[in-house]
Amino acid sequence: MLGQHIIVDFYGVNRDLLDDNEALAAIMQEAVAASGAHYLGHKFEPQSCSGVILIADSHLAWHTWPEHGFISLDYYTYSGGNVDGVRALDVIQER
């Protein structure tokens, strides 16, 4: 396996969390670390809580719609199987 691309939608998420950039960034950084990827940084876009964590192995991106309790995630890695994207999603879902 050369890479893994996981696209996930979570419904019924706490609306306050979906509008808290700092909390979301902390959760995403924890998820990236749990997956075995190497965190480099993050950047937020001005609309709602959209964010990207750039990792050495590619990216984790999210977009939220707090009014619907909805978050959409896109986690892509190309580390040859050394990163466990499913573990990252487990951490995000737990939080």
PDB file of N, CA and C in Angstrom:
ATOM      1  N   MET A   1       0.839  -1.168   0.000  1.00  0.00           N
ATOM      2  CA  MET A   1       0.000   0.000   0.000  1.00  0.00           C
ATOM      3  C   MET A   1       0.890   1.239   0.000  1.00  0.00           C
ATOM      4  N   LEU A   2       0.644   2.135  -0.929  1.00  0.00           N
ATOM      5  CA  LEU A   2       1.416   3.373  -0.997  1.00  0.00           C
ATOM      6  C   LEU A   2       0.791   4.492  -0.188  1.00  0.00           C
ATOM      7  N   GLY A   3      -0.523   4.480  -0.039  1.00  0.00           N
ATOM      8  CA  GLY A   3      -1.187   5.558   0.682  1.00  0.00           C
ATOM      9  C   GLY A   3      -2.552   5.130   1.168  1.00  0.00           C
ATOM     10  N   GLN A   4      -3.168   6.000   1.925  1.00  0.00           N
ATOM     11  CA  GLN A   4      -4.498   5.743   2.468  1.00  0.00           C
ATOM     12  C   GLN A   4      -5.265   7.053   2.411  1.00  0.00           C
ATOM     13  N   HIS A   5      -6.487   6.998   1.873  1.00  0.00           N
ATOM     14  CA  HIS A   5      -7.321   8.190   1.787  1.00  0.00           C
ATOM     15  C   HIS A   5      -8.646   7.874   2.457  1.00  0.00           C
ATOM     16  N   ILE A   6      -8.933   8.583   3.550  1.00  0.00           N
ATOM     17  CA  ILE A   6     -10.142   8.346   4.321  1.00  0.00           C
ATOM     18  C   ILE A   6     -10.964   9.626   4.310  1.00  0.00           C
ATOM     19  N   ILE A   7     -12.201   9.524   3.872  1.00  0.00           N
ATOM     20  CA  ILE A   7     -13.126  10.648   3.894  1.00  0.00           C
ATOM     21  C   ILE A   7     -14.304  10.229   4.760  1.00  0.00           C
ATOM     22  N   VAL A   8     -14.592  11.020   5.812  1.00  0.00           N
ATOM     23  CA  VAL A   8     -15.593  10.638   6.800  1.00  0.00           C
ATOM     24  C   VAL A   8     -16.485  11.832   7.114  1.00  0.00           C
ATOM     25  N   ASP A   9     -17.768  11.565   7.311  1.00  0.00           N
ATOM     26  CA  ASP A   9     -18.718  12.559   7.797  1.00  0.00           C
ATOM     27  C   ASP A   9     -19.262  12.083   9.130  1.00  0.00           C
ATOM     28  N   PHE A  10     -19.209  12.935  10.152  1.00  0.00           N
ATOM     29  CA  PHE A  10     -19.794  12.640  11.460  1.00  0.00           C
ATOM     30  C   PHE A  10     -21.010  13.538  11.659  1.00  0.00           C
ATOM     31  N   TYR A  11     -22.113  12.951  12.089  1.00  0.00           N
ATOM     32  CA  TYR A  11     -23.336  13.693  12.386  1.00  0.00           C
ATOM     33  C   TYR A  11     -23.599  13.659  13.888  1.00  0.00           C
ATOM     34  N   GLY A  12     -24.351  14.623  14.385  1.00  0.00           N
ATOM     35  CA  GLY A  12     -24.726  14.648  15.792  1.00  0.00           C
ATOM     36  C   GLY A  12     -23.600  15.100  16.704  1.00  0.00           C
ATOM     37  N   VAL A  13     -22.665  15.872  16.168  1.00  0.00           N
ATOM     38  CA  VAL A  13     -21.516  16.350  16.932  1.00  0.00           C
ATOM     39  C   VAL A  13     -21.928  17.573  17.763  1.00  0.00           C
ATOM     40  N   ASN A  14     -21.334  17.732  18.939  1.00  0.00           N
ATOM     41  CA  ASN A  14     -21.592  18.876  19.797  1.00  0.00           C
ATOM     42  C   ASN A  14     -21.374  20.171  19.021  1.00  0.00           C
ATOM     43  N   ARG A  15     -22.399  21.016  18.970  1.00  0.00           N
ATOM     44  CA  ARG A  15     -22.336  22.241  18.163  1.00  0.00           C
ATOM     45  C   ARG A  15     -21.307  23.245  18.682  1.00  0.00           C
ATOM     46  N   ASP A  16     -21.149  23.321  19.997  1.00  0.00           N
ATOM     47  CA  ASP A  16     -20.152  24.240  20.550  1.00  0.00           C
ATOM     48  C   ASP A  16     -18.744  23.825  20.144  1.00  0.00           C
ATOM     49  N   LEU A  17     -18.469  22.529  20.155  1.00  0.00           N
ATOM     50  CA  LEU A  17     -17.161  22.031  19.743  1.00  0.00           C
ATOM     51  C   LEU A  17     -16.887  22.371  18.281  1.00  0.00           C
ATOM     52  N   LEU A  18     -17.899  22.266  17.437  1.00  0.00           N
ATOM     53  CA  LEU A  18     -17.713  22.511  16.009  1.00  0.00           C
ATOM     54  C   LEU A  18     -17.429  23.971  15.684  1.00  0.00           C
ATOM     55  N   ASP A  19     -17.584  24.865  16.667  1.00  0.00           N
ATOM     56  CA  ASP A  19     -17.318  26.284  16.457  1.00  0.00           C
ATOM     57  C   ASP A  19     -16.127  26.757  17.288  1.00  0.00           C
ATOM     58  N   ASP A  20     -15.319  25.819  17.804  1.00  0.00           N
ATOM     59  CA  ASP A  20     -14.183  26.132  18.662  1.00  0.00           C
ATOM     60  C   ASP A  20     -12.892  25.727  17.957  1.00  0.00           C
ATOM     61  N   ASN A  21     -12.250  26.692  17.288  1.00  0.00           N
ATOM     62  CA  ASN A  21     -11.041  26.412  16.505  1.00  0.00           C
ATOM     63  C   ASN A  21      -9.931  25.788  17.349  1.00  0.00           C
ATOM     64  N   GLU A  22      -9.717  26.313  18.551  1.00  0.00           N
ATOM     65  CA  GLU A  22      -8.626  25.803  19.387  1.00  0.00           C
ATOM     66  C   GLU A  22      -8.868  24.358  19.806  1.00  0.00           C
ATOM     67  N   ALA A  23     -10.099  24.035  20.198  1.00  0.00           N
ATOM     68  CA  ALA A  23     -10.409  22.659  20.602  1.00  0.00           C
ATOM     69  C   ALA A  23     -10.288  21.701  19.426  1.00  0.00           C
ATOM     70  N   LEU A  24     -10.780  22.109  18.258  1.00  0.00           N
ATOM     71  CA  LEU A  24     -10.686  21.254  17.070  1.00  0.00           C
ATOM     72  C   LEU A  24      -9.231  21.013  16.682  1.00  0.00           C
ATOM     73  N   ALA A  25      -8.419  22.066  16.712  1.00  0.00           N
ATOM     74  CA  ALA A  25      -7.004  21.908  16.359  1.00  0.00           C
ATOM     75  C   ALA A  25      -6.319  20.948  17.321  1.00  0.00           C
ATOM     76  N   ALA A  26      -6.639  21.044  18.618  1.00  0.00           N
ATOM     77  CA  ALA A  26      -6.032  20.148  19.603  1.00  0.00           C
ATOM     78  C   ALA A  26      -6.436  18.698  19.344  1.00  0.00           C
ATOM     79  N   ILE A  27      -7.706  18.474  19.026  1.00  0.00           N
ATOM     80  CA  ILE A  27      -8.182  17.116  18.725  1.00  0.00           C
ATOM     81  C   ILE A  27      -7.503  16.578  17.475  1.00  0.00           C
ATOM     82  N   MET A  28      -7.411  17.384  16.435  1.00  0.00           N
ATOM     83  CA  MET A  28      -6.805  16.930  15.184  1.00  0.00           C
ATOM     84  C   MET A  28      -5.320  16.643  15.365  1.00  0.00           C
ATOM     85  N   GLN A  29      -4.628  17.464  16.160  1.00  0.00           N
ATOM     86  CA  GLN A  29      -3.216  17.217  16.422  1.00  0.00           C
ATOM     87  C   GLN A  29      -3.031  15.920  17.205  1.00  0.00           C
ATOM     88  N   GLU A  30      -3.904  15.675  18.157  1.00  0.00           N
ATOM     89  CA  GLU A  30      -3.854  14.416  18.913  1.00  0.00           C
ATOM     90  C   GLU A  30      -4.091  13.224  17.989  1.00  0.00           C
ATOM     91  N   ALA A  31      -5.048  13.367  17.081  1.00  0.00           N
ATOM     92  CA  ALA A  31      -5.367  12.285  16.142  1.00  0.00           C
ATOM     93  C   ALA A  31      -4.189  11.995  15.221  1.00  0.00           C
ATOM     94  N   VAL A  32      -3.564  13.045  14.712  1.00  0.00           N
ATOM     95  CA  VAL A  32      -2.408  12.880  13.834  1.00  0.00           C
ATOM     96  C   VAL A  32      -1.281  12.159  14.574  1.00  0.00           C
ATOM     97  N   ALA A  33      -1.019  12.555  15.816  1.00  0.00           N
ATOM     98  CA  ALA A  33       0.041  11.905  16.602  1.00  0.00           C
ATOM     99  C   ALA A  33      -0.300  10.440  16.860  1.00  0.00           C
ATOM    100  N   ALA A  34      -1.564  10.159  17.180  1.00  0.00           N
ATOM    101  CA  ALA A  34      -1.979   8.776  17.457  1.00  0.00           C
ATOM    102  C   ALA A  34      -1.842   7.890  16.228  1.00  0.00           C
ATOM    103  N   SER A  35      -1.964   8.482  15.046  1.00  0.00           N
ATOM    104  CA  SER A  35      -1.879   7.700  13.814  1.00  0.00           C
ATOM    105  C   SER A  35      -0.440   7.384  13.427  1.00  0.00           C
ATOM    106  N   GLY A  36       0.518   8.056  14.050  1.00  0.00           N
ATOM    107  CA  GLY A  36       1.921   7.830  13.725  1.00  0.00           C
ATOM    108  C   GLY A  36       2.466   8.784  12.684  1.00  0.00           C
ATOM    109  N   ALA A  37       1.658   9.767  12.275  1.00  0.00           N
ATOM    110  CA  ALA A  37       2.110  10.759  11.294  1.00  0.00           C
ATOM    111  C   ALA A  37       2.932  11.836  12.009  1.00  0.00           C
ATOM    112  N   HIS A  38       3.559  12.701  11.233  1.00  0.00           N
ATOM    113  CA  HIS A  38       4.428  13.735  11.772  1.00  0.00           C
ATOM    114  C   HIS A  38       3.803  15.101  11.547  1.00  0.00           C
ATOM    115  N   TYR A  39       3.394  15.742  12.624  1.00  0.00           N
ATOM    116  CA  TYR A  39       2.710  17.034  12.569  1.00  0.00           C
ATOM    117  C   TYR A  39       3.672  18.151  12.194  1.00  0.00           C
ATOM    118  N   LEU A  40       3.270  18.997  11.249  1.00  0.00           N
ATOM    119  CA  LEU A  40       4.078  20.146  10.854  1.00  0.00           C
ATOM    120  C   LEU A  40       3.424  21.476  11.207  1.00  0.00           C
ATOM    121  N   GLY A  41       2.108  21.592  11.096  1.00  0.00           N
ATOM    122  CA  GLY A  41       1.443  22.858  11.370  1.00  0.00           C
ATOM    123  C   GLY A  41      -0.021  22.805  10.990  1.00  0.00           C
ATOM    124  N   HIS A  42      -0.720  23.889  11.236  1.00  0.00           N
ATOM    125  CA  HIS A  42      -2.130  23.967  10.852  1.00  0.00           C
ATOM    126  C   HIS A  42      -2.492  25.382  10.448  1.00  0.00           C
ATOM    127  N   LYS A  43      -3.569  25.500   9.666  1.00  0.00           N
ATOM    128  CA  LYS A  43      -4.038  26.792   9.190  1.00  0.00           C
ATOM    129  C   LYS A  43      -5.554  26.745   9.139  1.00  0.00           C
ATOM    130  N   PHE A  44      -6.204  27.805   9.624  1.00  0.00           N
ATOM    131  CA  PHE A  44      -7.657  27.885   9.576  1.00  0.00           C
ATOM    132  C   PHE A  44      -8.098  28.868   8.499  1.00  0.00           C
ATOM    133  N   GLU A  45      -9.155  28.545   7.826  1.00  0.00           N
ATOM    134  CA  GLU A  45      -9.776  29.441   6.869  1.00  0.00           C
ATOM    135  C   GLU A  45     -10.793  30.315   7.626  1.00  0.00           C
ATOM    136  N   PRO A  46     -11.157  31.463   7.099  1.00  0.00           N
ATOM    137  CA  PRO A  46     -12.023  32.378   7.845  1.00  0.00           C
ATOM    138  C   PRO A  46     -13.495  31.958   7.958  1.00  0.00           C
ATOM    139  N   GLN A  47     -13.949  31.031   7.167  1.00  0.00           N
ATOM    140  CA  GLN A  47     -15.364  30.665   7.178  1.00  0.00           C
ATOM    141  C   GLN A  47     -15.622  29.462   8.062  1.00  0.00           C
ATOM    142  N   SER A  48     -16.467  29.619   9.049  1.00  0.00           N
ATOM    143  CA  SER A  48     -16.828  28.571   9.997  1.00  0.00           C
ATOM    144  C   SER A  48     -15.554  28.022  10.627  1.00  0.00           C
ATOM    145  N   CYS A  49     -15.494  26.730  10.838  1.00  0.00           N
ATOM    146  CA  CYS A  49     -14.283  26.113  11.382  1.00  0.00           C
ATOM    147  C   CYS A  49     -13.723  25.139  10.366  1.00  0.00           C
ATOM    148  N   SER A  50     -13.163  25.655   9.330  1.00  0.00           N
ATOM    149  CA  SER A  50     -12.448  24.829   8.372  1.00  0.00           C
ATOM    150  C   SER A  50     -10.981  24.868   8.744  1.00  0.00           C
ATOM    151  N   GLY A  51     -10.321  23.734   8.684  1.00  0.00           N
ATOM    152  CA  GLY A  51      -8.915  23.721   9.022  1.00  0.00           C
ATOM    153  C   GLY A  51      -8.154  22.655   8.291  1.00  0.00           C
ATOM    154  N   VAL A  52      -6.859  22.834   8.272  1.00  0.00           N
ATOM    155  CA  VAL A  52      -5.966  21.864   7.647  1.00  0.00           C
ATOM    156  C   VAL A  52      -4.764  21.696   8.549  1.00  0.00           C
ATOM    157  N   ILE A  53      -4.413  20.460   8.808  1.00  0.00           N
ATOM    158  CA  ILE A  53      -3.146  20.162   9.456  1.00  0.00           C
ATOM    159  C   ILE A  53      -2.261  19.547   8.388  1.00  0.00           C
ATOM    160  N   LEU A  54      -1.195  20.233   8.087  1.00  0.00           N
ATOM    161  CA  LEU A  54      -0.215  19.718   7.128  1.00  0.00           C
ATOM    162  C   LEU A  54       0.728  18.806   7.891  1.00  0.00           C
ATOM    163  N   ILE A  55       0.820  17.557   7.461  1.00  0.00           N
ATOM    164  CA  ILE A  55       1.724  16.603   8.099  1.00  0.00           C
ATOM    165  C   ILE A  55       2.784  16.191   7.090  1.00  0.00           C
ATOM    166  N   ALA A  56       3.858  15.627   7.576  1.00  0.00           N
ATOM    167  CA  ALA A  56       4.944  15.216   6.688  1.00  0.00           C
ATOM    168  C   ALA A  56       4.459  14.201   5.660  1.00  0.00           C
ATOM    169  N   ASP A  57       3.408  13.477   5.992  1.00  0.00           N
ATOM    170  CA  ASP A  57       2.901  12.423   5.118  1.00  0.00           C
ATOM    171  C   ASP A  57       1.711  12.864   4.268  1.00  0.00           C
ATOM    172  N   SER A  58       1.219  14.081   4.390  1.00  0.00           N
ATOM    173  CA  SER A  58       0.183  14.696   3.568  1.00  0.00           C
ATOM    174  C   SER A  58      -0.679  15.644   4.386  1.00  0.00           C
ATOM    175  N   HIS A  59      -1.984  15.312   4.655  1.00  0.00           N
ATOM    176  CA  HIS A  59      -2.853  16.292   5.323  1.00  0.00           C
ATOM    177  C   HIS A  59      -4.048  15.654   6.034  1.00  0.00           C
ATOM    178  N   LEU A  60      -4.587  16.422   6.984  1.00  0.00           N
ATOM    179  CA  LEU A  60      -5.879  16.157   7.595  1.00  0.00           C
ATOM    180  C   LEU A  60      -6.652  17.459   7.500  1.00  0.00           C
ATOM    181  N   ALA A  61      -7.794  17.422   6.840  1.00  0.00           N
ATOM    182  CA  ALA A  61      -8.615  18.627   6.663  1.00  0.00           C
ATOM    183  C   ALA A  61      -9.999  18.392   7.246  1.00  0.00           C
ATOM    184  N   TRP A  62     -10.610  19.482   7.760  1.00  0.00           N
ATOM    185  CA  TRP A  62     -11.966  19.369   8.277  1.00  0.00           C
ATOM    186  C   TRP A  62     -12.760  20.627   7.965  1.00  0.00           C
ATOM    187  N   HIS A  63     -14.066  20.446   7.878  1.00  0.00           N
ATOM    188  CA  HIS A  63     -15.016  21.528   7.629  1.00  0.00           C
ATOM    189  C   HIS A  63     -16.234  21.253   8.499  1.00  0.00           C
ATOM    190  N   THR A  64     -16.708  22.294   9.194  1.00  0.00           N
ATOM    191  CA  THR A  64     -17.825  22.093  10.108  1.00  0.00           C
ATOM    192  C   THR A  64     -19.027  22.943   9.735  1.00  0.00           C
ATOM    193  N   TRP A  65     -20.174  22.438  10.094  1.00  0.00           N
ATOM    194  CA  TRP A  65     -21.447  23.141  10.002  1.00  0.00           C
ATOM    195  C   TRP A  65     -22.108  23.000  11.373  1.00  0.00           C
ATOM    196  N   PRO A  66     -21.752  23.891  12.328  1.00  0.00           N
ATOM    197  CA  PRO A  66     -22.273  23.765  13.682  1.00  0.00           C
ATOM    198  C   PRO A  66     -23.798  23.760  13.747  1.00  0.00           C
ATOM    199  N   GLU A  67     -24.436  24.516  12.885  1.00  0.00           N
ATOM    200  CA  GLU A  67     -25.902  24.583  12.900  1.00  0.00           C
ATOM    201  C   GLU A  67     -26.559  23.243  12.586  1.00  0.00           C
ATOM    202  N   HIS A  68     -25.786  22.317  12.007  1.00  0.00           N
ATOM    203  CA  HIS A  68     -26.296  20.982  11.677  1.00  0.00           C
ATOM    204  C   HIS A  68     -25.622  19.878  12.504  1.00  0.00           C
ATOM    205  N   GLY A  69     -24.718  20.266  13.410  1.00  0.00           N
ATOM    206  CA  GLY A  69     -23.987  19.261  14.199  1.00  0.00           C
ATOM    207  C   GLY A  69     -23.160  18.344  13.319  1.00  0.00           C
ATOM    208  N   PHE A  70     -22.517  18.893  12.272  1.00  0.00           N
ATOM    209  CA  PHE A  70     -21.885  18.105  11.216  1.00  0.00           C
ATOM    210  C   PHE A  70     -20.425  18.514  11.022  1.00  0.00           C
ATOM    211  N   ILE A  71     -19.560  17.520  10.874  1.00  0.00           N
ATOM    212  CA  ILE A  71     -18.160  17.760  10.502  1.00  0.00           C
ATOM    213  C   ILE A  71     -17.775  16.772   9.412  1.00  0.00           C
ATOM    214  N   SER A  72     -17.050  17.243   8.424  1.00  0.00           N
ATOM    215  CA  SER A  72     -16.555  16.408   7.339  1.00  0.00           C
ATOM    216  C   SER A  72     -15.026  16.400   7.402  1.00  0.00           C
ATOM    217  N   LEU A  73     -14.428  15.208   7.302  1.00  0.00           N
ATOM    218  CA  LEU A  73     -12.979  15.051   7.420  1.00  0.00           C
ATOM    219  C   LEU A  73     -12.385  14.430   6.163  1.00  0.00           C
ATOM    220  N   ASP A  74     -11.184  14.831   5.849  1.00  0.00           N
ATOM    221  CA  ASP A  74     -10.427  14.256   4.740  1.00  0.00           C
ATOM    222  C   ASP A  74      -9.002  14.038   5.237  1.00  0.00           C
ATOM    223  N   TYR A  75      -8.615  12.773   5.387  1.00  0.00           N
ATOM    224  CA  TYR A  75      -7.276  12.434   5.887  1.00  0.00           C
ATOM    225  C   TYR A  75      -6.580  11.601   4.826  1.00  0.00           C
ATOM    226  N   TYR A  76      -5.504  12.146   4.287  1.00  0.00           N
ATOM    227  CA  TYR A  76      -4.755  11.428   3.255  1.00  0.00           C
ATOM    228  C   TYR A  76      -3.300  11.282   3.700  1.00  0.00           C
ATOM    229  N   THR A  77      -2.769  10.076   3.568  1.00  0.00           N
ATOM    230  CA  THR A  77      -1.358   9.840   3.840  1.00  0.00           C
ATOM    231  C   THR A  77      -0.751   9.033   2.700  1.00  0.00           C
ATOM    232  N   TYR A  78       0.522   9.209   2.500  1.00  0.00           N
ATOM    233  CA  TYR A  78       1.229   8.433   1.472  1.00  0.00           C
ATOM    234  C   TYR A  78       2.527   7.880   2.033  1.00  0.00           C
ATOM    235  N   SER A  79       2.444   7.361   3.238  1.00  0.00           N
ATOM    236  CA  SER A  79       3.652   6.925   3.934  1.00  0.00           C
ATOM    237  C   SER A  79       3.959   5.442   3.763  1.00  0.00           C
ATOM    238  N   GLY A  80       3.320   4.789   2.818  1.00  0.00           N
ATOM    239  CA  GLY A  80       3.609   3.374   2.595  1.00  0.00           C
ATOM    240  C   GLY A  80       3.083   2.471   3.694  1.00  0.00           C
ATOM    241  N   GLY A  81       2.036   2.903   4.382  1.00  0.00           N
ATOM    242  CA  GLY A  81       1.437   2.073   5.420  1.00  0.00           C
ATOM    243  C   GLY A  81       1.975   2.305   6.818  1.00  0.00           C
ATOM    244  N   ASN A  82       2.855   3.298   6.994  1.00  0.00           N
ATOM    245  CA  ASN A  82       3.425   3.576   8.319  1.00  0.00           C
ATOM    246  C   ASN A  82       2.530   4.446   9.190  1.00  0.00           C
ATOM    247  N   VAL A  83       1.468   5.006   8.620  1.00  0.00           N
ATOM    248  CA  VAL A  83       0.535   5.853   9.350  1.00  0.00           C
ATOM    249  C   VAL A  83      -0.811   5.145   9.400  1.00  0.00           C
ATOM    250  N   ASP A  84      -1.428   5.121  10.569  1.00  0.00           N
ATOM    251  CA  ASP A  84      -2.715   4.443  10.774  1.00  0.00           C
ATOM    252  C   ASP A  84      -3.835   5.477  10.820  1.00  0.00           C
ATOM    253  N   GLY A  85      -4.410   5.779   9.666  1.00  0.00           N
ATOM    254  CA  GLY A  85      -5.481   6.756   9.571  1.00  0.00           C
ATOM    255  C   GLY A  85      -6.715   6.368  10.356  1.00  0.00           C
ATOM    256  N   VAL A  86      -6.991   5.090  10.456  1.00  0.00           N
ATOM    257  CA  VAL A  86      -8.155   4.623  11.212  1.00  0.00           C
ATOM    258  C   VAL A  86      -7.981   4.967  12.693  1.00  0.00           C
ATOM    259  N   ARG A  87      -6.773   4.849  13.215  1.00  0.00           N
ATOM    260  CA  ARG A  87      -6.520   5.228  14.613  1.00  0.00           C
ATOM    261  C   ARG A  87      -6.793   6.713  14.819  1.00  0.00           C
ATOM    262  N   ALA A  88      -6.408   7.533  13.855  1.00  0.00           N
ATOM    263  CA  ALA A  88      -6.691   8.972  13.946  1.00  0.00           C
ATOM    264  C   ALA A  88      -8.196   9.218  14.031  1.00  0.00           C
ATOM    265  N   LEU A  89      -8.970   8.516  13.208  1.00  0.00           N
ATOM    266  CA  LEU A  89     -10.425   8.693  13.234  1.00  0.00           C
ATOM    267  C   LEU A  89     -11.024   8.195  14.547  1.00  0.00           C
ATOM    268  N   ASP A  90     -10.459   7.149  15.128  1.00  0.00           N
ATOM    269  CA  ASP A  90     -10.902   6.674  16.440  1.00  0.00           C
ATOM    270  C   ASP A  90     -10.760   7.786  17.484  1.00  0.00           C
ATOM    271  N   VAL A  91      -9.610   8.464  17.466  1.00  0.00           N
ATOM    272  CA  VAL A  91      -9.374   9.549  18.423  1.00  0.00           C
ATOM    273  C   VAL A  91     -10.375  10.672  18.216  1.00  0.00           C
ATOM    274  N   ILE A  92     -10.611  11.060  16.978  1.00  0.00           N
ATOM    275  CA  ILE A  92     -11.545  12.140  16.676  1.00  0.00           C
ATOM    276  C   ILE A  92     -12.953  11.748  17.132  1.00  0.00           C
ATOM    277  N   GLN A  93     -13.363  10.555  16.834  1.00  0.00           N
ATOM    278  CA  GLN A  93     -14.706  10.106  17.216  1.00  0.00           C
ATOM    279  C   GLN A  93     -14.850  10.042  18.739  1.00  0.00           C
ATOM    280  N   GLU A  94     -13.810   9.621  19.446  1.00  0.00           N
ATOM    281  CA  GLU A  94     -13.860   9.571  20.910  1.00  0.00           C
ATOM    282  C   GLU A  94     -14.054  10.950  21.516  1.00  0.00           C
ATOM    283  N   ARG A  95     -13.437  11.965  20.900  1.00  0.00           N
ATOM    284  CA  ARG A  95     -13.516  13.333  21.413  1.00  0.00           C
ATOM    285  C   ARG A  95     -14.833  13.980  21.046  1.00  0.00           C
TER     286      ARG A  95
END
